[in-house]
Protein backbone atom coordinates (compact mmCIF):
# COMPACT_ATOMS: atom_id res chain seq x y z
CA MET A 1 -19.29 27.29 8.91
CA ILE A 2 -21.36 24.40 9.96
CA ARG A 3 -21.04 25.32 13.68
CA LYS A 4 -21.34 29.38 12.95
CA TYR A 5 -25.13 28.10 11.41
CA GLN A 6 -25.82 25.99 14.50
CA VAL A 7 -25.14 28.10 16.80
CA ASP A 8 -26.58 31.28 14.98
CA GLY A 9 -29.59 29.25 15.24
CA TYR A 10 -30.58 27.56 11.61
CA LEU A 11 -31.45 30.96 9.98
CA ASP A 12 -32.93 30.47 6.83
CA ARG A 13 -31.43 32.01 3.62
CA ASP A 14 -33.42 35.45 4.57
CA LEU A 15 -31.69 35.14 8.02
CA ARG A 16 -35.10 34.58 9.80
CA PRO A 17 -35.63 32.10 12.26
CA ARG A 18 -36.57 28.81 11.02
CA PRO A 19 -40.09 27.57 11.86
CA PRO A 20 -40.72 24.15 14.56
CA GLY A 21 -41.18 22.23 11.50
CA THR A 22 -38.22 21.93 9.54
CA LEU A 23 -35.64 23.36 12.37
CA ALA A 24 -35.46 19.49 13.73
CA ASP A 25 -34.26 18.58 10.38
CA GLU A 26 -31.70 21.23 9.86
CA GLU A 27 -30.69 20.00 13.33
CA ARG A 28 -30.52 16.30 12.00
CA HIS A 29 -28.66 17.35 8.40
CA CYS A 30 -26.10 19.71 10.31
CA ASN A 31 -25.32 16.49 12.86
CA THR A 32 -24.69 14.16 10.44
CA PRO A 33 -21.98 15.64 8.39
CA MET A 34 -20.38 16.77 11.68
CA GLU A 35 -19.72 13.52 13.18
CA PHE A 36 -17.22 13.25 9.90
CA TRP A 37 -16.02 16.56 9.79
CA GLU A 38 -12.36 16.95 9.95
CA PRO A 39 -10.25 20.40 11.40
CA VAL A 40 -9.96 23.04 8.97
CA VAL A 41 -6.65 24.89 9.00
CA VAL A 42 -6.55 28.47 7.66
CA SER A 43 -3.91 30.38 6.78
CA LEU A 44 -2.90 34.05 5.56
CA GLU A 45 -0.71 33.89 2.28
CA PRO A 46 1.20 36.90 0.66
CA GLY A 47 -1.41 38.96 -1.30
CA ASP A 48 -3.50 39.20 1.73
CA VAL A 49 -5.29 36.01 0.86
CA LEU A 50 -6.97 33.58 3.05
CA ALA A 51 -6.19 29.82 1.87
CA MET A 52 -8.42 26.82 3.74
CA ARG A 53 -7.85 23.24 3.87
CA LEU A 54 -8.68 20.43 5.45
CA GLU A 55 -6.40 18.83 8.10
CA ARG A 56 -5.00 16.25 6.03
CA THR A 57 -5.44 17.14 3.14
CA ARG A 58 -3.23 18.81 0.40
CA THR A 59 -5.93 20.82 -1.24
CA THR A 60 -6.10 24.07 -0.62
CA TYR A 61 -8.66 26.84 -0.87
CA ARG A 62 -8.04 30.21 -1.35
CA ALA A 63 -10.06 33.62 -1.28
CA THR A 64 -8.84 37.23 -0.81
CA ILE A 65 -9.27 39.05 2.61
CA ALA A 66 -11.47 41.27 0.86
CA ALA A 67 -14.04 38.66 -0.91
CA VAL A 68 -14.39 37.34 2.42
CA PHE A 69 -15.05 41.25 4.07
CA ARG A 70 -17.87 41.80 1.96
CA THR A 71 -19.81 38.35 2.25
CA LEU A 72 -19.22 39.13 6.10
CA ALA A 73 -20.65 42.93 5.80
CA ASP A 74 -23.38 41.54 3.50
CA TRP A 75 -24.78 39.08 6.11
CA HIS A 76 -24.46 41.72 8.77
CA ALA A 77 -26.24 44.12 6.79
CA ARG A 78 -29.01 41.63 5.86
CA ALA A 79 -28.74 40.82 9.52
CA GLU A 80 -29.71 44.65 10.20
CA ALA A 81 -32.21 45.08 7.34
CA ARG A 82 -34.07 41.99 8.93
CA ARG A 83 -34.12 43.06 12.68
CA LYS A 84 -34.89 46.57 11.44
CA ARG A 85 -38.18 45.33 9.60
CA GLU A 86 -39.18 43.33 12.12
CA GLU A 87 -38.77 45.89 14.68
CA ARG A 88 -41.34 47.95 12.68
CA GLN A 89 -43.71 45.11 11.96
CA ALA A 90 -43.68 45.19 15.71
CA ARG A 91 -44.20 48.90 16.25
CA ARG A 92 -47.61 48.20 13.62
CA PHE A 93 -48.71 45.70 15.25
CA THR A 94 -48.62 46.94 18.56
CA ARG A 95 -50.00 50.28 17.83
């Protein structure tokens, strides 16, 4: 999850780019735990359940595929809404 956050450019809660002042803090806060992070094992279990656990642990966290899909769909919808809003604002200010 942290890697995805880094690849996306450390977007804020509303999926907007962070200002330069807080961007450096976000990079530092994400790089520190990555030094200790263990690989995550993801498996598909019966009943369309995703199971995730750290590589060397027994504690497994489970979520249905539907719940994961809803979360991803929500993220996508918010990103699209933000993109459209920014396009409208850009058109409004360029007139």
